[in-house]
Amino acid sequence: MGPRPRTAGTDRNEDAAVTDDLTPRQDATPPEGPADGAPPEPAPPGDAAAQSDAAAPDAAPGDAAPAPDDRRSGFDRRQYHRRHHRSEPHEPERRTGIERRLAHQERRQSDRMDPDAMSLGRRMRQPRTIISLILPIFLLVLFARALPGFHLEELPSLILGANPWLLLAAFGVYYIGFPLRGLRWAILVRGTGYPLRVGDSTEIIFISWTVNCLVPAKLGDLYRAYLLKINTPVSLSRTFGTVFIERVLDLFAIVVLGLAAGYWSFRSGLPPEVQILFAVGVVVVVVLAAALLSMRNFGRRVITRLPLPHRVLELYDRFEEGVFGALGLKQLPTLIILTGLIWATEAMRLFLVVEAMGFADVHLGISGAFFVALTASLLTAIPLTPAGIGFVEGAVVGLLTFVYGISQTEALAIVLVDRAISVLSVIIFGSIAYAVSAKRRGEGLDPHPPPVQPEPAGP
């Protein structure tokens, strides 16, 4: 019998499918003993294979029955779950109605979020948000006025002298990246069983980027998961898993493409500053790979050894399912191509901005645009300010000045125009989308979409 198709209506019940299926039922038929009613003969001490066969006589060879605390790795648990669902018919639900309702209420309680805490207007009125917006800008202006080499009075003429058609092209290329991001996230969410449409995922991502540009601590990612949660039956922890694996793909792409672009851009020799960035990039890739490998094989085993409530274990199960269930081997080439195209739009935006400014002594090139844009994107991950305001501008001006030899005033003009496209325009258009969108009220998606058969996850 093949695997049962996962539907949106049953997604909440499947959130704890692994836990429910592996928990011994109280009303299950006891195994048959000897004819005379005597207890079965115990296996000799230390004979793990015999004990495993006695516990699960119908298990596949080499498939040990799960212990009550289930300390297996996530990989072993998923393999056991797939094999038994493919080879055994689904048993009818034997719990009482009260038990089912209590279990459903407990799952809803674990996924509940306070709407007031997610209110963008309330966040914008908090002193922390106001300080994180104003203080970096004030320090950046003070920094530019205090250091020699910055001629702020020349900035208006330099910016107004830019080619408007090339700036419009930079704007268009940058906004092409949002449907690409929407398509990538829709593929990941579909891997968990919900048929999210590309238009809906693009709208949610665009609103979440607006939140990231206005509120510190990268709360836009949390708001994205919240919007999907209130509009669909997808669990919050599983949605976090899709957002997490998307960020992992982004970090891998930033590091790999940034290293390649930097190597090509500095073929004659790497400056010391670039060597430091290369070292940081290599460390990031190694740490991410080790973290994913550990989560896939040892994550649940570590969680079960900690004195944590059972609800935490359920949340981790759904989060891990969102991470690895959404990332199947069949979708991986498509996701890699989409991720590369997404970051190509970021680099081409900066390249077109530099060309639009028309500075005679500035020759950044496409490889240099990739390196600078990806470095700036890595700095936006700093959660102290919205969209890395203050940190990104200062770092990119320093990179253009000390590494590429661009004058400080021209570098500042390039950065201001580029950030106007990537941050200011998102705040303007994203605020309009936020105001008119029905998704922030939980009314923007079909509550009963057609079922979808997810792609098989990787082994």
Protein backbone atom coordinates (compact mmCIF):
# COMPACT_ATOMS: atom_id res chain seq x y z
CA MET A 1 0.00 0.00 0.00
CA GLY A 2 1.42 3.40 -0.96
CA PRO A 3 1.78 6.36 1.38
CA ARG A 4 -1.39 8.21 2.32
CA PRO A 5 -1.64 11.65 0.66
CA ARG A 6 -1.29 14.53 3.04
CA THR A 7 -4.04 17.15 2.88
CA ALA A 8 -4.47 20.59 4.36
CA GLY A 9 -7.39 19.44 6.48
CA THR A 10 -5.34 16.76 8.18
CA ASP A 11 -2.14 18.73 8.61
CA ARG A 12 -2.78 19.48 12.25
CA ASN A 13 -3.47 15.83 13.03
CA GLU A 14 -0.26 14.84 11.23
CA ASP A 15 1.80 17.34 13.23
CA ALA A 16 2.14 14.77 16.00
CA ALA A 17 1.78 11.70 13.76
CA VAL A 18 5.18 10.34 14.69
CA THR A 19 4.50 10.67 18.40
CA ASP A 20 0.97 9.23 18.16
CA ASP A 21 1.95 6.27 15.98
CA LEU A 22 4.88 5.30 18.17
CA THR A 23 3.03 5.55 21.49
CA PRO A 24 1.67 2.17 22.70
CA ARG A 25 -2.14 2.17 22.78
CA GLN A 26 -3.79 1.28 26.05
CA ASP A 27 -6.56 -0.69 24.36
CA ALA A 28 -4.33 -2.53 21.91
CA THR A 29 -4.75 -6.31 21.74
CA PRO A 30 -2.09 -7.94 23.91
CA PRO A 31 0.34 -10.29 22.20
CA GLU A 32 -0.54 -13.94 22.28
CA GLY A 33 1.29 -15.88 24.98
CA PRO A 34 1.83 -19.59 25.45
CA ALA A 35 -1.15 -21.88 25.26
CA ASP A 36 -1.20 -22.54 29.00
CA GLY A 37 -1.38 -18.81 29.80
CA ALA A 38 2.11 -18.68 31.26
CA PRO A 39 4.06 -15.47 30.69
CA PRO A 40 6.39 -15.54 27.69
CA GLU A 41 9.95 -16.56 28.33
CA PRO A 42 12.13 -13.43 28.58
CA ALA A 43 15.06 -13.00 26.26
CA PRO A 44 18.51 -13.60 27.73
CA PRO A 45 20.14 -10.50 29.20
CA GLY A 46 22.10 -8.50 26.65
CA ASP A 47 20.29 -10.11 23.70
CA ALA A 48 19.05 -6.85 22.17
CA ALA A 49 17.95 -8.49 18.94
CA ALA A 50 15.73 -10.98 20.73
CA GLN A 51 14.21 -8.26 22.87
CA SER A 52 13.55 -6.17 19.78
CA ASP A 53 11.88 -9.10 17.99
CA ALA A 54 9.76 -9.84 21.02
CA ALA A 55 8.64 -6.22 21.25
CA ALA A 56 7.81 -5.87 17.56
CA PRO A 57 7.32 -9.28 15.86
CA ASP A 58 6.00 -7.69 12.67
CA ALA A 59 8.84 -5.18 12.26
CA ALA A 60 10.99 -5.29 9.22
CA PRO A 61 14.40 -6.92 9.56
CA GLY A 62 16.78 -4.54 11.27
CA ASP A 63 13.87 -2.32 12.32
CA ALA A 64 13.91 -2.23 16.10
CA ALA A 65 10.70 -1.37 17.90
CA PRO A 66 10.69 2.11 19.41
CA ALA A 67 11.22 2.47 23.10
CA PRO A 68 8.59 4.45 25.04
CA ASP A 69 10.92 7.46 25.36
CA ASP A 70 11.94 7.10 21.65
CA ARG A 71 15.56 8.24 21.84
CA ARG A 72 16.33 7.38 18.24
CA SER A 73 17.80 9.93 15.88
CA GLY A 74 15.53 11.91 13.63
CA PHE A 75 16.76 9.99 10.57
CA ASP A 76 15.98 6.56 12.12
CA ARG A 77 12.59 7.74 13.34
CA ARG A 78 11.53 9.03 9.92
CA GLN A 79 12.71 5.82 8.22
CA TYR A 80 10.72 3.69 10.69
CA HIS A 81 7.67 5.91 10.21
CA ARG A 82 7.80 5.68 6.38
CA ARG A 83 8.31 1.91 6.28
CA HIS A 84 5.44 1.13 8.62
CA HIS A 85 3.00 3.51 6.93
CA ARG A 86 3.79 1.96 3.57
CA SER A 87 3.46 -1.64 4.72
CA GLU A 88 0.67 -1.48 7.30
CA PRO A 89 -2.94 -0.30 7.00
CA HIS A 90 -3.90 2.72 9.07
CA GLU A 91 -5.60 1.67 12.28
CA PRO A 92 -8.85 3.45 13.14
CA GLU A 93 -8.74 6.07 15.88
CA ARG A 94 -9.64 4.40 19.18
CA ARG A 95 -9.48 7.38 21.50
CA THR A 96 -12.66 8.80 22.94
CA GLY A 97 -14.04 12.08 21.72
CA ILE A 98 -12.93 13.83 24.90
CA GLU A 99 -9.37 12.54 24.46
CA ARG A 100 -9.27 13.70 20.83
CA ARG A 101 -10.58 17.15 21.74
CA LEU A 102 -8.07 17.51 24.57
CA ALA A 103 -5.19 16.48 22.28
CA HIS A 104 -6.39 18.93 19.62
CA GLN A 105 -6.64 21.76 22.17
CA GLU A 106 -3.13 20.99 23.42
CA ARG A 107 -1.71 21.19 19.89
CA ARG A 108 -3.56 24.47 19.26
CA GLN A 109 -2.26 25.87 22.55
CA SER A 110 1.34 25.03 21.61
CA ASP A 111 0.95 26.90 18.31
CA ARG A 112 -0.95 29.90 19.69
CA MET A 113 0.49 33.38 19.28
CA ASP A 114 -0.75 36.60 20.81
CA PRO A 115 -2.14 38.84 18.01
CA ASP A 116 -1.36 41.96 20.06
CA ALA A 117 2.29 40.92 20.31
CA MET A 118 2.44 40.63 16.50
CA SER A 119 0.78 44.00 15.84
CA LEU A 120 3.07 46.12 13.65
CA GLY A 121 1.57 49.37 14.92
CA ARG A 122 2.24 48.38 18.50
CA ARG A 123 5.81 47.41 17.66
CA MET A 124 6.42 50.75 15.93
CA ARG A 125 5.38 52.63 19.08
CA GLN A 126 7.82 50.79 21.31
CA PRO A 127 10.85 52.84 22.43
CA ARG A 128 13.24 50.09 21.35
CA THR A 129 11.98 50.24 17.77
CA ILE A 130 12.13 54.04 17.64
CA ILE A 131 15.68 54.08 19.01
CA SER A 132 16.83 51.34 16.63
CA LEU A 133 15.58 53.42 13.69
CA ILE A 134 16.77 56.88 14.69
CA LEU A 135 20.05 56.20 16.50
CA PRO A 136 21.91 54.44 13.63
CA ILE A 137 20.94 57.15 11.15
CA PHE A 138 22.05 59.88 13.56
CA LEU A 139 25.38 58.15 14.18
CA LEU A 140 25.93 57.59 10.46
CA VAL A 141 25.35 61.28 9.69
CA LEU A 142 27.61 62.30 12.58
CA PHE A 143 30.27 59.87 11.38
CA ALA A 144 30.14 61.23 7.81
CA ARG A 145 30.37 64.85 8.96
CA ALA A 146 33.23 64.24 11.37
CA LEU A 147 35.58 62.32 9.10
CA PRO A 148 37.60 64.08 6.43
CA GLY A 149 36.92 63.16 2.82
CA PHE A 150 33.12 63.30 3.01
CA HIS A 151 31.61 66.25 1.18
CA LEU A 152 27.96 65.99 2.07
CA GLU A 153 27.07 69.15 0.15
CA GLU A 154 27.93 67.33 -3.09
CA LEU A 155 25.57 64.42 -2.48
CA PRO A 156 22.39 66.00 -3.91
CA SER A 157 24.03 66.86 -7.22
CA LEU A 158 25.67 63.43 -7.49
CA ILE A 159 22.40 61.62 -6.82
CA LEU A 160 20.30 63.85 -9.11
CA GLY A 161 22.80 63.33 -11.92
CA ALA A 162 22.15 59.57 -12.05
CA ASN A 163 20.66 57.97 -15.16
CA PRO A 164 16.94 57.49 -14.36
CA TRP A 165 16.49 54.61 -16.84
CA LEU A 166 19.26 52.58 -15.29
CA LEU A 167 17.86 53.31 -11.83
CA LEU A 168 14.44 52.11 -13.04
CA ALA A 169 16.09 48.95 -14.38
CA ALA A 170 17.78 48.42 -11.00
CA PHE A 171 14.40 48.85 -9.31
CA GLY A 172 12.74 46.34 -11.65
CA VAL A 173 15.51 43.74 -11.32
CA TYR A 174 15.37 43.97 -7.54
CA TYR A 175 11.59 43.46 -7.41
CA ILE A 176 11.80 40.43 -9.69
CA GLY A 177 13.44 38.75 -6.71
CA PHE A 178 10.20 38.76 -4.68
CA PRO A 179 8.23 36.38 -6.98
CA LEU A 180 11.33 34.17 -7.08
CA ARG A 181 11.40 34.15 -3.27
CA GLY A 182 7.67 33.45 -3.24
CA LEU A 183 8.08 30.49 -5.60
CA ARG A 184 10.90 29.05 -3.50
CA TRP A 185 8.96 29.33 -0.25
CA ALA A 186 5.82 27.91 -1.87
CA ILE A 187 7.82 24.83 -2.92
CA LEU A 188 9.06 24.40 0.65
CA VAL A 189 5.58 24.78 2.17
CA ARG A 190 4.11 22.37 -0.38
CA GLY A 191 6.65 19.85 0.82
CA THR A 192 4.86 19.89 4.20
CA GLY A 193 1.50 19.15 2.56
CA TYR A 194 -0.19 22.55 2.08
CA PRO A 195 -0.68 23.79 -1.53
CA LEU A 196 0.47 27.38 -1.05
CA ARG A 197 0.12 29.48 -4.18
CA VAL A 198 3.01 31.59 -5.44
CA GLY A 199 1.01 34.81 -5.36
CA ASP A 200 0.05 34.28 -1.72
CA SER A 201 3.57 33.35 -0.67
CA THR A 202 4.98 36.40 -2.50
CA GLU A 203 2.54 38.72 -0.74
CA ILE A 204 3.35 37.27 2.68
CA ILE A 205 7.09 37.54 2.04
CA PHE A 206 6.80 41.16 0.86
CA ILE A 207 4.86 42.14 3.99
CA SER A 208 7.38 40.32 6.18
CA TRP A 209 10.23 42.23 4.49
CA THR A 210 8.43 45.46 5.35
CA VAL A 211 8.39 44.37 8.99
CA ASN A 212 12.11 43.55 8.80
CA CYS A 213 12.79 47.07 7.46
CA LEU A 214 10.86 48.68 10.32
CA VAL A 215 11.42 46.44 13.35
CA PRO A 216 14.73 45.08 14.70
CA ALA A 217 15.61 41.48 15.66
CA LYS A 218 14.53 40.03 12.28
CA LEU A 219 10.94 39.84 13.47
CA GLY A 220 9.77 39.79 9.86
CA ASP A 221 10.53 36.06 9.71
CA LEU A 222 8.41 35.49 12.80
CA TYR A 223 5.64 37.62 11.28
CA ARG A 224 5.79 35.58 8.07
CA ALA A 225 5.19 32.37 10.03
CA TYR A 226 2.40 34.10 11.94
CA LEU A 227 0.63 35.20 8.73
CA LEU A 228 0.75 31.68 7.32
CA LYS A 229 -0.46 30.27 10.64
CA ILE A 230 -3.58 32.47 10.86
CA ASN A 231 -4.48 31.90 7.20
CA THR A 232 -3.85 28.14 6.85
CA PRO A 233 -3.98 24.95 8.93
CA VAL A 234 -0.17 24.63 8.74
CA SER A 235 1.32 24.46 12.23
CA LEU A 236 3.50 27.33 13.41
CA SER A 237 6.49 25.18 14.31
CA ARG A 238 6.43 23.44 10.92
CA THR A 239 6.31 26.85 9.21
CA PHE A 240 9.35 27.91 11.24
CA GLY A 241 11.10 24.86 9.81
CA THR A 242 10.49 26.04 6.23
CA VAL A 243 11.68 29.56 7.04
CA PHE A 244 14.77 28.14 8.76
CA ILE A 245 15.79 25.95 5.80
CA GLU A 246 15.19 28.91 3.47
CA ARG A 247 17.60 31.01 5.52
CA VAL A 248 20.12 28.18 5.45
CA LEU A 249 19.91 28.10 1.64
CA ASP A 250 20.42 31.87 1.58
CA LEU A 251 23.49 31.71 3.81
CA PHE A 252 25.03 28.93 1.75
CA ALA A 253 24.40 30.93 -1.44
CA ILE A 254 25.80 34.16 0.04
CA VAL A 255 28.98 32.47 1.21
CA VAL A 256 29.60 30.34 -1.90
CA LEU A 257 28.73 33.04 -4.45
CA GLY A 258 30.53 35.69 -2.39
CA LEU A 259 33.69 33.60 -2.21
CA ALA A 260 33.58 32.91 -5.95
CA ALA A 261 32.95 36.57 -6.80
CA GLY A 262 35.67 37.77 -4.45
CA TYR A 263 38.19 35.33 -5.86
CA TRP A 264 37.41 36.44 -9.41
CA SER A 265 37.34 40.12 -8.49
CA PHE A 266 40.75 39.96 -6.72
CA ARG A 267 42.61 37.59 -9.00
CA SER A 268 45.80 39.61 -8.65
CA GLY A 269 45.82 39.23 -4.85
CA LEU A 270 43.42 39.29 -1.95
CA PRO A 271 43.56 42.34 0.33
CA PRO A 272 43.79 41.55 4.08
CA GLU A 273 40.21 42.75 4.65
CA VAL A 274 38.89 40.34 2.02
CA GLN A 275 40.91 37.48 3.47
CA ILE A 276 39.15 38.01 6.80
CA LEU A 277 35.76 37.93 5.07
CA PHE A 278 36.75 34.73 3.26
CA ALA A 279 37.71 33.12 6.58
CA VAL A 280 34.38 34.14 8.14
CA GLY A 281 32.52 32.71 5.14
CA VAL A 282 34.27 29.35 5.38
CA VAL A 283 33.51 29.16 9.11
CA VAL A 284 29.82 29.93 8.45
CA VAL A 285 29.53 27.15 5.86
CA VAL A 286 31.22 24.59 8.13
CA VAL A 287 29.07 25.52 11.14
CA LEU A 288 25.83 25.36 9.10
CA ALA A 289 26.71 21.98 7.61
CA ALA A 290 27.60 20.58 11.03
CA ALA A 291 24.40 21.96 12.58
CA LEU A 292 22.17 20.43 9.89
CA LEU A 293 23.93 17.09 10.10
CA SER A 294 23.62 17.03 13.88
CA MET A 295 19.94 17.98 13.79
CA ARG A 296 19.13 15.34 11.19
CA ASN A 297 20.83 12.46 13.02
CA PHE A 298 21.11 13.39 16.70
CA GLY A 299 18.70 16.28 17.34
CA ARG A 300 15.80 14.34 18.78
CA ARG A 301 18.09 12.03 20.72
CA VAL A 302 19.58 15.05 22.47
CA ILE A 303 16.17 16.63 23.10
CA THR A 304 14.78 13.51 24.76
CA ARG A 305 17.71 13.39 27.19
CA LEU A 306 16.95 16.88 28.45
CA PRO A 307 14.41 17.49 31.23
CA LEU A 308 11.93 19.22 28.93
CA PRO A 309 8.12 19.03 28.82
CA HIS A 310 6.51 16.72 26.27
CA ARG A 311 5.09 19.76 24.45
CA VAL A 312 8.63 20.91 23.64
CA LEU A 313 9.33 17.51 22.09
CA GLU A 314 6.21 17.79 19.92
CA LEU A 315 7.21 21.28 18.79
CA TYR A 316 10.67 20.04 17.91
CA ASP A 317 9.19 17.13 15.93
CA ARG A 318 7.10 19.52 13.83
CA PHE A 319 9.98 21.94 13.38
CA GLU A 320 12.27 19.13 12.21
CA GLU A 321 9.55 17.88 9.87
CA GLY A 322 9.29 21.38 8.40
CA VAL A 323 13.07 21.52 7.91
CA PHE A 324 13.71 18.11 6.38
CA GLY A 325 10.25 17.19 5.13
CA ALA A 326 10.13 20.31 2.93
CA LEU A 327 13.64 19.78 1.55
CA GLY A 328 13.44 16.69 -0.64
CA LEU A 329 16.11 15.59 -3.08
CA LYS A 330 13.76 16.10 -6.01
CA GLN A 331 13.16 19.77 -5.16
CA LEU A 332 16.77 20.52 -4.24
CA PRO A 333 18.04 21.40 -7.77
CA THR A 334 15.11 23.76 -8.30
CA LEU A 335 15.67 25.39 -4.92
CA ILE A 336 19.38 25.85 -5.63
CA ILE A 337 18.68 27.47 -9.02
CA LEU A 338 16.04 29.77 -7.53
CA THR A 339 18.37 30.78 -4.70
CA GLY A 340 21.12 31.63 -7.17
CA LEU A 341 18.72 33.74 -9.26
CA ILE A 342 17.46 35.53 -6.15
CA TRP A 343 20.93 36.65 -5.16
CA ALA A 344 21.76 37.51 -8.74
CA THR A 345 18.97 40.11 -8.59
CA GLU A 346 20.61 41.61 -5.50
CA ALA A 347 23.98 41.87 -7.24
CA MET A 348 22.56 43.22 -10.52
CA ARG A 349 20.67 45.91 -8.61
CA LEU A 350 23.94 47.24 -7.19
CA PHE A 351 25.71 46.91 -10.56
CA LEU A 352 22.98 48.95 -12.30
CA VAL A 353 23.07 51.57 -9.54
CA VAL A 354 26.83 51.99 -9.97
CA GLU A 355 26.41 52.28 -13.74
CA ALA A 356 23.57 54.77 -13.29
CA MET A 357 25.73 57.05 -11.16
CA GLY A 358 28.18 57.39 -14.08
CA PHE A 359 31.33 57.98 -12.04
CA ALA A 360 34.29 57.93 -14.42
CA ASP A 361 36.75 56.51 -11.90
CA VAL A 362 34.46 53.72 -10.61
CA HIS A 363 34.79 50.30 -12.28
CA LEU A 364 33.16 47.78 -9.98
CA GLY A 365 32.23 45.15 -12.54
CA ILE A 366 29.72 42.33 -12.13
CA SER A 367 32.02 40.23 -9.93
CA GLY A 368 32.67 43.21 -7.66
CA ALA A 369 28.93 43.95 -7.52
CA PHE A 370 28.27 40.36 -6.47
CA PHE A 371 30.93 40.52 -3.76
CA VAL A 372 29.79 43.86 -2.30
CA ALA A 373 26.05 43.09 -2.52
CA LEU A 374 26.40 39.68 -0.89
CA THR A 375 28.61 41.11 1.86
CA ALA A 376 25.97 43.74 2.55
CA SER A 377 23.25 41.08 2.63
CA LEU A 378 25.24 39.12 5.19
CA LEU A 379 25.44 42.23 7.37
CA THR A 380 21.65 42.68 7.30
CA ALA A 381 21.45 39.55 9.47
CA ILE A 382 22.69 41.64 12.42
CA PRO A 383 19.49 41.88 14.49
CA LEU A 384 20.31 45.10 16.35
CA THR A 385 18.70 47.46 13.84
CA PRO A 386 15.98 47.09 11.17
CA ALA A 387 17.50 45.83 7.89
CA GLY A 388 20.96 46.42 9.38
CA ILE A 389 20.55 50.21 9.11
CA GLY A 390 23.79 51.89 10.07
CA PHE A 391 25.91 48.74 9.97
CA VAL A 392 25.37 48.02 6.27
CA GLU A 393 25.91 51.58 5.09
CA GLY A 394 29.11 52.03 7.09
CA ALA A 395 30.54 48.65 6.07
CA VAL A 396 29.76 49.03 2.36
CA VAL A 397 31.19 52.56 2.23
CA GLY A 398 34.35 51.25 3.90
CA LEU A 399 34.53 48.29 1.49
CA LEU A 400 34.11 50.51 -1.58
CA THR A 401 36.63 53.02 -0.27
CA PHE A 402 39.44 50.86 1.08
CA VAL A 403 39.17 47.83 -1.22
CA TYR A 404 37.99 49.33 -4.52
CA GLY A 405 39.55 52.80 -4.17
CA ILE A 406 36.32 54.77 -4.64
CA SER A 407 36.20 58.21 -3.07
CA GLN A 408 34.23 58.46 0.14
CA THR A 409 31.61 60.88 -1.17
CA GLU A 410 30.96 58.82 -4.31
CA ALA A 411 30.80 55.61 -2.25
CA LEU A 412 28.27 57.20 0.10
CA ALA A 413 26.16 58.35 -2.87
CA ILE A 414 26.15 54.81 -4.31
CA VAL A 415 25.14 53.32 -0.97
CA LEU A 416 22.35 55.84 -0.37
CA VAL A 417 20.78 55.25 -3.80
CA ASP A 418 21.11 51.48 -3.47
CA ARG A 419 19.54 51.46 -0.01
CA ALA A 420 16.74 53.73 -1.19
CA ILE A 421 15.76 50.98 -3.63
CA SER A 422 16.29 48.01 -1.31
CA VAL A 423 14.93 49.48 1.94
CA LEU A 424 13.04 52.75 1.48
CA SER A 425 10.95 51.53 -1.45
CA VAL A 426 10.08 48.33 0.45
CA ILE A 427 8.88 50.42 3.40
CA ILE A 428 6.70 52.59 1.13
CA PHE A 429 5.15 49.88 -1.04
CA GLY A 430 5.13 47.29 1.73
CA SER A 431 3.18 49.62 4.03
CA ILE A 432 0.54 49.96 1.31
CA ALA A 433 0.43 46.17 0.90
CA TYR A 434 0.16 45.75 4.65
CA ALA A 435 -2.73 48.21 4.85
CA VAL A 436 -4.83 46.59 2.10
CA SER A 437 -3.91 42.93 2.63
CA ALA A 438 -6.58 40.64 4.07
CA LYS A 439 -3.92 38.16 5.18
CA ARG A 440 -2.98 40.13 8.27
CA ARG A 441 -6.57 39.53 9.45
CA GLY A 442 -6.49 35.83 8.57
CA GLU A 443 -8.90 36.20 5.63
CA GLY A 444 -6.61 36.05 2.64
CA LEU A 445 -6.31 32.32 1.82
CA ASP A 446 -8.72 29.56 0.90
CA PRO A 447 -9.40 27.62 4.12
CA HIS A 448 -10.16 24.43 2.13
CA PRO A 449 -7.63 24.19 -0.71
CA PRO A 450 -7.35 21.10 -2.89
CA PRO A 451 -5.12 18.37 -1.48
CA VAL A 452 -1.54 18.12 -2.59
CA GLN A 453 0.76 15.13 -2.72
CA PRO A 454 4.12 16.27 -1.32
CA GLU A 455 7.33 15.26 -3.00
CA PRO A 456 9.12 12.42 -1.24
CA ALA A 457 11.67 13.69 1.23
CA GLY A 458 15.29 12.72 0.97
CA PRO A 459 16.58 9.71 2.91
